[in-house]
Amino acid sequence: MDDRLPGLIDQHDSMHKRPKPLSTWYRDLMLAAQLGAEEHWAGPDGQSIKQTIVQGIAQLLDDRDHAQTALAYRQGHTIEPTPLLVEQRQTATELLAALGDARYPVSIEQWQQATSDLTKQFGREGGHYWRYVPAARYQVGGWEVGQTPTSVELQPYWVGRLMITVEQYRRFMQAGGYAKAECWSSAGWAWKETYQRAEPEWWESQTHPEAANQPVYGVSWYEVLAYCNWLTQQLAPVLPQGYEVCLASEAEWEVAAAYPAQGQRQRSPWGDQPATPEHAVYAWSEAQRPLAVGLGLLGQAGCGALDYVGNLWEYTSTIYQAAIEHDQSAPGFVVCGGSYYGTSADMLCAARYWTTPVVSSDSRGFRCTLARRGSNEGHSRRNDKRAGNEFQN
């Protein structure tokens, strides 16, 4: 084992006998992760050093104060030592992906534990996976001048703190999700069988170890629905009565993204301030892929969920009526939030588009929601029935 590792992971500077600045420690952890991986964590202390690195990088990715300092530095303030900007934090997430990212559940046991520990506390505090949105009457839509918002009554529900990652989706595939007809709608199964679909598009490019904690992309609406139905089956013993894993309706998606604790909805999850790379992932088209989940800490929604705008457009369960009027044979579903291809002007809770259930894209992904069956507008299975048994390319 490289003899530099103990000093790198230590939060104290042994030479000067004082705590390291956090920025310095975070950079030291990243270097330690690279050195340890090169030596395959050999030596008696290898695994304990690895665990310290994992915990430290996870702390960096949840360090909102550090992200605020990074924003100030990005805006021109002189700060020494320099904080880690999103670009450097992305490198840290790639290192963490190879070590094991514990910010989200992967195994069924982890999913069940996260779902058994549901809280009804609304807010950004805590790292729990499912984020609560209380029952209430909310205003949605009508964001532009001259438009009138719609009032909707929603039952309580929970949204995932992060979008579903490559690692999480891989478990569905490993469990035979593409071969289990009971997970698929009749239309989805017919489409899958006809086109012999056995994995998302561009799947090979998502199988590198450093991509494990990126949001999965290249999935169609039908595949997303199958994943939700599969996860519902796995969580059935611990789900609240009457609830299932599903896609949020457009109204649920917008409420979770736009409403802070004070109750006055905002144009962006973080408020009315202009977007920066510290808030959301956008203008990143050179990468030709999304970045890891959870990088935009300052863009955290009031409920505590991350990445609600930017990185990938998110599927919803709501039918896009204009698409139905345009082509009766090809139902369209709303997608929300913009993607890494977009600009700062697109980073809004009002950002919406649509897609048909069979089209895949490298700019679309999804997060899961826990909602009561049939209680909220645009429920996934109900909308799937409206979609009928036809599918289009």
Protein backbone atom coordinates (compact mmCIF):
# COMPACT_ATOMS: atom_id res chain seq x y z
CA MET A 1 0.00 0.00 0.00
CA ASP A 2 1.30 3.46 -0.92
CA ASP A 3 2.73 5.00 2.25
CA ARG A 4 1.20 8.37 1.32
CA LEU A 5 -2.35 7.17 1.84
CA PRO A 6 -2.64 7.53 5.64
CA GLY A 7 -1.51 11.15 5.44
CA LEU A 8 -3.84 11.91 2.54
CA ILE A 9 -6.97 10.60 4.23
CA ASP A 10 -6.15 12.24 7.58
CA GLN A 11 -8.19 15.40 8.15
CA HIS A 12 -5.24 16.91 10.02
CA ASP A 13 -2.03 18.23 8.56
CA SER A 14 0.63 16.30 10.45
CA MET A 15 3.39 18.74 9.47
CA HIS A 16 1.62 21.87 10.74
CA LYS A 17 -0.40 20.12 13.47
CA ARG A 18 -3.72 21.65 12.44
CA PRO A 19 -6.90 20.61 10.60
CA LYS A 20 -6.71 20.67 6.82
CA PRO A 21 -9.04 23.08 5.00
CA LEU A 22 -11.95 21.01 3.69
CA SER A 23 -11.06 21.79 0.08
CA THR A 24 -7.56 20.42 0.66
CA TRP A 25 -8.86 17.29 2.39
CA TYR A 26 -11.38 16.63 -0.39
CA ARG A 27 -8.61 16.86 -3.00
CA ASP A 28 -6.39 14.61 -0.91
CA LEU A 29 -9.17 12.02 -0.76
CA MET A 30 -9.50 12.06 -4.55
CA LEU A 31 -5.77 11.48 -4.94
CA ALA A 32 -5.91 8.72 -2.34
CA ALA A 33 -8.76 7.06 -4.25
CA GLN A 34 -6.67 7.03 -7.41
CA LEU A 35 -3.57 5.69 -5.66
CA GLY A 36 -5.50 3.02 -3.76
CA ALA A 37 -7.24 1.79 -6.91
CA GLU A 38 -3.92 1.49 -8.72
CA GLU A 39 -2.71 -0.84 -5.98
CA HIS A 40 -6.08 -2.65 -5.68
CA TRP A 41 -6.31 -1.65 -2.00
CA ALA A 42 -3.56 -4.05 -1.05
CA GLY A 43 -2.27 -4.21 2.50
CA PRO A 44 -3.86 -4.75 5.92
CA ASP A 45 -5.33 -1.23 6.07
CA GLY A 46 -6.52 -1.13 2.48
CA GLN A 47 -10.21 -1.67 3.15
CA SER A 48 -10.41 0.73 6.09
CA ILE A 49 -8.65 3.42 4.05
CA LYS A 50 -11.07 2.75 1.20
CA GLN A 51 -14.04 3.15 3.54
CA THR A 52 -12.71 6.47 4.84
CA ILE A 53 -12.37 7.71 1.26
CA VAL A 54 -15.91 6.60 0.40
CA GLN A 55 -17.35 8.42 3.42
CA GLY A 56 -15.28 11.54 2.72
CA ILE A 57 -16.29 11.82 -0.94
CA ALA A 58 -19.92 11.26 0.04
CA GLN A 59 -19.51 14.12 2.51
CA LEU A 60 -18.18 16.34 -0.27
CA LEU A 61 -21.19 15.54 -2.46
CA ASP A 62 -23.57 16.50 0.35
CA ASP A 63 -21.60 19.56 1.52
CA ARG A 64 -23.97 22.40 0.72
CA ASP A 65 -21.72 24.99 2.39
CA HIS A 66 -18.85 23.93 0.16
CA ALA A 67 -21.09 24.24 -2.91
CA GLN A 68 -22.06 27.74 -1.78
CA THR A 69 -18.37 28.62 -1.53
CA ALA A 70 -17.83 27.17 -5.01
CA LEU A 71 -20.60 29.43 -6.33
CA ALA A 72 -18.94 32.48 -4.77
CA TYR A 73 -15.62 31.48 -6.34
CA ARG A 74 -17.30 30.98 -9.71
CA GLN A 75 -18.75 34.47 -9.41
CA GLY A 76 -15.31 35.98 -9.03
CA HIS A 77 -14.58 36.00 -5.31
CA THR A 78 -11.04 35.20 -4.24
CA ILE A 79 -11.05 32.09 -2.05
CA GLU A 80 -8.02 30.13 -0.90
CA PRO A 81 -7.70 27.24 -1.07
CA THR A 82 -10.03 27.10 -4.03
CA PRO A 83 -13.21 25.03 -3.57
CA LEU A 84 -14.07 22.13 -5.82
CA LEU A 85 -16.35 23.25 -8.64
CA VAL A 86 -18.85 20.92 -10.30
CA GLU A 87 -16.21 19.87 -12.80
CA GLN A 88 -13.96 18.60 -9.99
CA ARG A 89 -16.87 17.10 -8.07
CA GLN A 90 -17.80 15.12 -11.18
CA THR A 91 -14.34 13.54 -11.06
CA ALA A 92 -14.97 12.73 -7.40
CA THR A 93 -18.28 11.02 -8.28
CA GLU A 94 -16.55 8.89 -10.89
CA LEU A 95 -14.07 7.74 -8.26
CA LEU A 96 -16.92 7.08 -5.83
CA ALA A 97 -18.83 5.07 -8.45
CA ALA A 98 -15.96 2.62 -8.69
CA LEU A 99 -15.70 2.38 -4.89
CA GLY A 100 -19.42 2.03 -4.16
CA ASP A 101 -21.84 4.94 -3.96
CA ALA A 102 -24.13 4.58 -0.94
CA ARG A 103 -26.26 7.68 -1.59
CA TYR A 104 -29.07 5.59 -3.08
CA PRO A 105 -30.44 2.06 -2.56
CA VAL A 106 -29.32 -0.67 -4.95
CA SER A 107 -30.04 -4.10 -3.46
CA ILE A 108 -33.61 -5.11 -2.67
CA GLU A 109 -32.68 -5.12 1.02
CA GLN A 110 -31.50 -1.51 0.74
CA TRP A 111 -34.65 -0.52 -1.13
CA GLN A 112 -36.83 -2.17 1.50
CA GLN A 113 -34.93 -0.46 4.31
CA ALA A 114 -35.26 2.94 2.65
CA THR A 115 -38.99 2.36 2.14
CA SER A 116 -39.55 1.06 5.67
CA ASP A 117 -38.07 4.29 7.04
CA LEU A 118 -40.44 6.72 5.30
CA THR A 119 -40.73 10.08 7.00
CA LYS A 120 -43.49 12.67 6.75
CA GLN A 121 -41.10 15.53 7.32
CA PHE A 122 -40.91 18.03 4.46
CA GLY A 123 -37.57 19.74 3.89
CA ARG A 124 -33.98 19.54 2.67
CA GLU A 125 -32.62 18.09 5.90
CA GLY A 126 -31.36 14.53 6.03
CA GLY A 127 -30.02 12.16 3.41
CA HIS A 128 -33.01 9.78 3.34
CA TYR A 129 -33.95 8.59 -0.14
CA TRP A 130 -37.73 9.10 -0.26
CA ARG A 131 -38.71 12.79 0.09
CA TYR A 132 -42.16 13.62 1.39
CA VAL A 133 -44.63 15.99 -0.27
CA PRO A 134 -47.71 16.67 1.88
CA ALA A 135 -51.33 16.56 0.76
CA ALA A 136 -52.64 19.99 -0.16
CA ARG A 137 -54.18 22.08 -2.91
CA TYR A 138 -51.44 23.40 -5.18
CA GLN A 139 -51.18 25.77 -8.12
CA VAL A 140 -49.54 24.28 -11.23
CA GLY A 141 -48.93 25.57 -14.73
CA GLY A 142 -49.74 29.08 -15.85
CA TRP A 143 -46.15 30.27 -15.54
CA GLU A 144 -46.20 32.73 -18.42
CA VAL A 145 -47.75 36.19 -18.42
CA GLY A 146 -51.43 35.97 -19.29
CA GLN A 147 -51.71 32.29 -18.35
CA THR A 148 -53.84 31.11 -15.44
CA PRO A 149 -52.53 28.43 -13.07
CA THR A 150 -54.59 25.32 -12.45
CA SER A 151 -55.52 24.34 -8.91
CA VAL A 152 -54.99 20.65 -8.11
CA GLU A 153 -55.68 18.63 -4.98
CA LEU A 154 -52.93 16.05 -4.34
CA GLN A 155 -52.76 13.23 -1.84
CA PRO A 156 -49.46 12.80 0.06
CA TYR A 157 -46.65 11.16 -1.89
CA TRP A 158 -42.88 10.64 -1.86
CA VAL A 159 -40.37 11.28 -4.64
CA GLY A 160 -36.90 9.81 -5.03
CA ARG A 161 -34.10 12.07 -3.84
CA LEU A 162 -32.17 11.19 -7.00
CA MET A 163 -32.95 9.96 -10.48
CA ILE A 164 -32.64 6.21 -11.07
CA THR A 165 -29.01 5.40 -11.78
CA VAL A 166 -27.31 2.96 -14.12
CA GLU A 167 -26.43 0.79 -11.11
CA GLN A 168 -30.04 0.67 -9.93
CA TYR A 169 -31.40 -0.12 -13.39
CA ARG A 170 -28.81 -2.87 -13.84
CA ARG A 171 -30.39 -4.74 -10.91
CA PHE A 172 -33.71 -4.79 -12.78
CA MET A 173 -31.95 -6.29 -15.78
CA GLN A 174 -30.05 -8.84 -13.67
CA ALA A 175 -33.33 -9.87 -12.05
CA GLY A 176 -34.72 -10.77 -15.49
CA GLY A 177 -36.91 -7.70 -15.79
CA TYR A 178 -36.93 -7.87 -19.57
CA ALA A 179 -38.26 -11.43 -19.44
CA LYS A 180 -41.04 -10.91 -16.86
CA ALA A 181 -44.28 -10.21 -18.69
CA GLU A 182 -46.01 -9.36 -15.41
CA CYS A 183 -43.86 -6.20 -15.15
CA TRP A 184 -44.89 -4.88 -18.55
CA SER A 185 -48.06 -3.38 -19.91
CA SER A 186 -49.57 -5.30 -22.82
CA ALA A 187 -48.51 -2.53 -25.20
CA GLY A 188 -45.01 -2.42 -23.76
CA TRP A 189 -44.57 -6.18 -23.91
CA ALA A 190 -45.73 -6.27 -27.54
CA TRP A 191 -43.26 -3.53 -28.44
CA LYS A 192 -40.42 -5.23 -26.55
CA GLU A 193 -41.07 -8.60 -28.18
CA THR A 194 -41.45 -7.16 -31.66
CA TYR A 195 -38.17 -5.26 -31.49
CA GLN A 196 -36.40 -7.84 -29.28
CA ARG A 197 -35.51 -5.18 -26.77
CA ALA A 198 -33.28 -6.57 -24.01
CA GLU A 199 -31.49 -3.46 -22.72
CA PRO A 200 -31.62 0.33 -23.02
CA GLU A 201 -30.16 1.99 -26.06
CA TRP A 202 -26.50 2.96 -25.66
CA TRP A 203 -26.28 0.53 -22.76
CA GLU A 204 -22.69 -0.49 -23.49
CA SER A 205 -21.55 3.10 -23.06
CA GLN A 206 -23.15 3.12 -19.59
CA THR A 207 -21.46 -0.02 -18.27
CA HIS A 208 -18.10 1.52 -17.38
CA PRO A 209 -17.50 1.51 -13.60
CA GLU A 210 -17.35 5.32 -13.42
CA ALA A 211 -20.83 5.55 -14.99
CA ALA A 212 -22.61 3.54 -12.27
CA ASN A 213 -23.94 6.62 -10.47
CA GLN A 214 -25.06 8.48 -13.58
CA PRO A 215 -28.81 8.55 -14.26
CA VAL A 216 -29.69 5.80 -16.71
CA TYR A 217 -30.67 7.01 -20.18
CA GLY A 218 -31.73 5.38 -23.43
CA VAL A 219 -34.84 3.94 -21.77
CA SER A 220 -38.28 4.27 -23.32
CA TRP A 221 -41.42 5.11 -21.36
CA TYR A 222 -42.44 1.43 -21.60
CA GLU A 223 -39.15 0.31 -20.03
CA VAL A 224 -39.47 2.87 -17.27
CA LEU A 225 -42.98 1.68 -16.47
CA ALA A 226 -41.76 -1.95 -16.34
CA TYR A 227 -39.02 -0.93 -13.89
CA CYS A 228 -41.55 0.80 -11.64
CA ASN A 229 -43.85 -2.22 -11.68
CA TRP A 230 -40.93 -4.54 -10.90
CA LEU A 231 -39.83 -2.36 -7.99
CA THR A 232 -43.40 -2.27 -6.69
CA GLN A 233 -43.33 -6.07 -6.54
CA GLN A 234 -40.04 -6.05 -4.62
CA LEU A 235 -41.27 -3.46 -2.12
CA ALA A 236 -44.80 -4.82 -1.68
CA PRO A 237 -44.17 -6.03 1.92
CA VAL A 238 -43.09 -2.57 3.10
CA LEU A 239 -45.07 -0.14 0.94
CA PRO A 240 -47.71 2.00 2.69
CA GLN A 241 -51.14 0.54 2.10
CA GLY A 242 -52.50 1.55 -1.29
CA TYR A 243 -49.19 2.93 -2.56
CA GLU A 244 -46.99 1.76 -5.41
CA VAL A 245 -43.82 2.77 -7.20
CA CYS A 246 -44.74 4.78 -10.28
CA LEU A 247 -43.91 7.81 -12.36
CA ALA A 248 -45.11 11.11 -10.99
CA SER A 249 -47.89 12.86 -12.80
CA GLU A 250 -46.89 16.19 -14.29
CA ALA A 251 -48.64 17.95 -11.42
CA GLU A 252 -46.79 15.86 -8.82
CA TRP A 253 -43.49 16.46 -10.58
CA GLU A 254 -44.01 20.23 -10.73
CA VAL A 255 -45.16 20.52 -7.11
CA ALA A 256 -42.16 18.57 -5.80
CA ALA A 257 -39.83 20.71 -7.90
CA ALA A 258 -41.35 24.14 -7.35
CA TYR A 259 -42.68 24.36 -3.80
CA PRO A 260 -40.37 25.32 -0.91
CA ALA A 261 -41.24 25.03 2.75
CA GLN A 262 -42.80 28.51 2.75
CA GLY A 263 -45.47 27.36 0.31
CA GLN A 264 -44.94 29.96 -2.42
CA ARG A 265 -43.93 28.20 -5.62
CA GLN A 266 -40.72 29.15 -7.38
CA ARG A 267 -39.70 29.26 -11.04
CA SER A 268 -36.67 27.07 -10.30
CA PRO A 269 -36.22 24.63 -7.42
CA TRP A 270 -33.73 27.01 -5.77
CA GLY A 271 -35.78 30.18 -6.28
CA ASP A 272 -35.71 32.98 -8.83
CA GLN A 273 -31.93 33.45 -9.04
CA PRO A 274 -30.25 32.72 -12.40
CA ALA A 275 -29.01 29.18 -12.90
CA THR A 276 -25.32 28.39 -12.61
CA PRO A 277 -23.47 25.05 -12.97
CA GLU A 278 -23.59 24.84 -9.16
CA HIS A 279 -27.41 24.68 -9.38
CA ALA A 280 -28.01 22.34 -12.31
CA VAL A 281 -26.26 20.40 -15.07
CA TYR A 282 -26.72 22.19 -18.40
CA ALA A 283 -24.64 23.28 -21.41
CA TRP A 284 -22.65 20.07 -21.03
CA SER A 285 -23.22 18.73 -24.54
CA GLU A 286 -19.50 18.08 -25.14
CA ALA A 287 -19.69 15.20 -22.67
CA GLN A 288 -22.51 13.62 -24.72
CA ARG A 289 -23.84 12.03 -21.54
CA PRO A 290 -25.35 13.13 -18.24
CA LEU A 291 -23.20 13.76 -15.20
CA ALA A 292 -23.52 11.85 -11.94
CA VAL A 293 -26.65 12.29 -9.85
CA GLY A 294 -26.73 14.91 -7.13
CA LEU A 295 -24.03 17.32 -8.33
CA GLY A 296 -26.21 20.46 -8.29
CA LEU A 297 -26.50 20.78 -4.51
CA LEU A 298 -27.60 24.42 -4.69
CA GLY A 299 -30.44 23.38 -6.97
CA GLN A 300 -32.00 21.14 -4.34
CA ALA A 301 -35.79 21.32 -4.24
CA GLY A 302 -37.64 22.27 -1.08
CA CYS A 303 -38.57 18.63 -0.44
CA GLY A 304 -34.90 17.65 -0.53
CA ALA A 305 -34.80 16.05 -3.99
CA LEU A 306 -31.90 16.83 -6.35
CA ASP A 307 -31.52 17.28 -10.12
CA TYR A 308 -35.12 18.29 -10.71
CA VAL A 309 -34.00 20.51 -13.56
CA GLY A 310 -31.08 19.77 -15.84
CA ASN A 311 -29.04 16.62 -16.45
CA LEU A 312 -31.91 14.61 -18.01
CA TRP A 313 -35.52 15.28 -18.95
CA GLU A 314 -37.73 13.24 -16.60
CA TYR A 315 -40.60 11.04 -17.73
CA THR A 316 -44.02 11.56 -16.17
CA SER A 317 -47.20 9.53 -16.36
CA THR A 318 -49.29 12.37 -17.80
CA ILE A 319 -50.54 12.21 -21.37
CA TYR A 320 -49.64 15.23 -23.47
CA GLN A 321 -52.98 16.24 -24.90
CA ALA A 322 -51.56 18.22 -27.81
CA ALA A 323 -49.76 15.09 -28.97
CA ILE A 324 -53.01 13.11 -28.86
CA GLU A 325 -54.72 15.75 -30.95
CA HIS A 326 -51.84 15.66 -33.43
CA ASP A 327 -51.77 11.87 -33.85
CA GLN A 328 -54.42 9.66 -32.29
CA SER A 329 -52.36 6.49 -32.86
CA ALA A 330 -49.24 7.73 -31.04
CA PRO A 331 -49.98 8.80 -27.46
CA GLY A 332 -47.46 11.22 -26.07
CA PHE A 333 -46.34 11.60 -22.47
CA VAL A 334 -45.01 14.72 -20.80
CA VAL A 335 -41.33 14.98 -19.90
CA CYS A 336 -40.13 17.74 -17.59
CA GLY A 337 -37.08 19.62 -16.41
CA GLY A 338 -34.60 20.01 -19.26
CA SER A 339 -31.27 18.26 -19.74
CA TYR A 340 -27.53 18.62 -19.99
CA TYR A 341 -28.03 19.67 -23.62
CA GLY A 342 -30.03 22.73 -22.54
CA THR A 343 -29.08 26.27 -21.63
CA SER A 344 -29.43 28.16 -18.37
CA ALA A 345 -32.70 29.62 -19.67
CA ASP A 346 -34.18 26.09 -19.74
CA MET A 347 -33.54 25.38 -16.06
CA LEU A 348 -37.11 26.00 -14.98
CA CYS A 349 -39.89 24.08 -13.27
CA ALA A 350 -42.04 25.03 -16.26
CA ALA A 351 -39.74 23.24 -18.74
CA ARG A 352 -41.80 20.55 -20.47
CA TYR A 353 -41.87 18.57 -23.68
CA TRP A 354 -43.34 15.25 -24.78
CA THR A 355 -42.38 11.87 -26.19
CA THR A 356 -44.10 8.72 -27.38
CA PRO A 357 -43.75 5.57 -25.23
CA VAL A 358 -41.34 3.82 -27.61
CA VAL A 359 -38.78 6.53 -28.29
CA SER A 360 -35.48 6.43 -26.41
CA SER A 361 -33.13 9.35 -25.99
CA ASP A 362 -29.74 10.10 -24.46
CA SER A 363 -31.31 13.15 -22.82
CA ARG A 364 -34.19 11.44 -20.95
CA GLY A 365 -34.27 9.50 -17.69
CA PHE A 366 -36.58 9.08 -14.70
CA ARG A 367 -37.03 9.14 -10.95
CA CYS A 368 -39.48 6.99 -9.02
CA THR A 369 -42.42 8.20 -6.97
CA LEU A 370 -44.47 6.50 -4.25
CA ALA A 371 -48.11 7.44 -4.79
CA ARG A 372 -51.49 6.05 -3.84
CA ARG A 373 -53.07 3.88 -6.52
CA GLY A 374 -55.47 5.87 -8.63
CA SER A 375 -55.52 8.79 -6.20
CA ASN A 376 -53.59 11.37 -8.19
CA GLU A 377 -53.96 12.80 -11.67
CA GLY A 378 -52.13 10.97 -14.41
CA HIS A 379 -51.37 7.71 -12.59
CA SER A 380 -48.98 5.56 -14.61
CA ARG A 381 -51.08 2.43 -15.07
CA ARG A 382 -54.23 4.40 -15.75
CA ASN A 383 -52.42 6.36 -18.44
CA ASP A 384 -51.00 3.17 -19.87
CA LYS A 385 -54.56 1.92 -20.41
CA ARG A 386 -55.38 5.11 -22.26
CA ALA A 387 -52.34 4.50 -24.44
CA GLY A 388 -53.98 1.35 -25.75
CA ASN A 389 -52.19 -1.57 -27.35
CA GLU A 390 -50.70 0.29 -30.32
CA PHE A 391 -47.09 1.27 -30.57
CA GLN A 392 -45.29 3.42 -33.08
CA ASN A 393 -41.67 3.96 -34.03
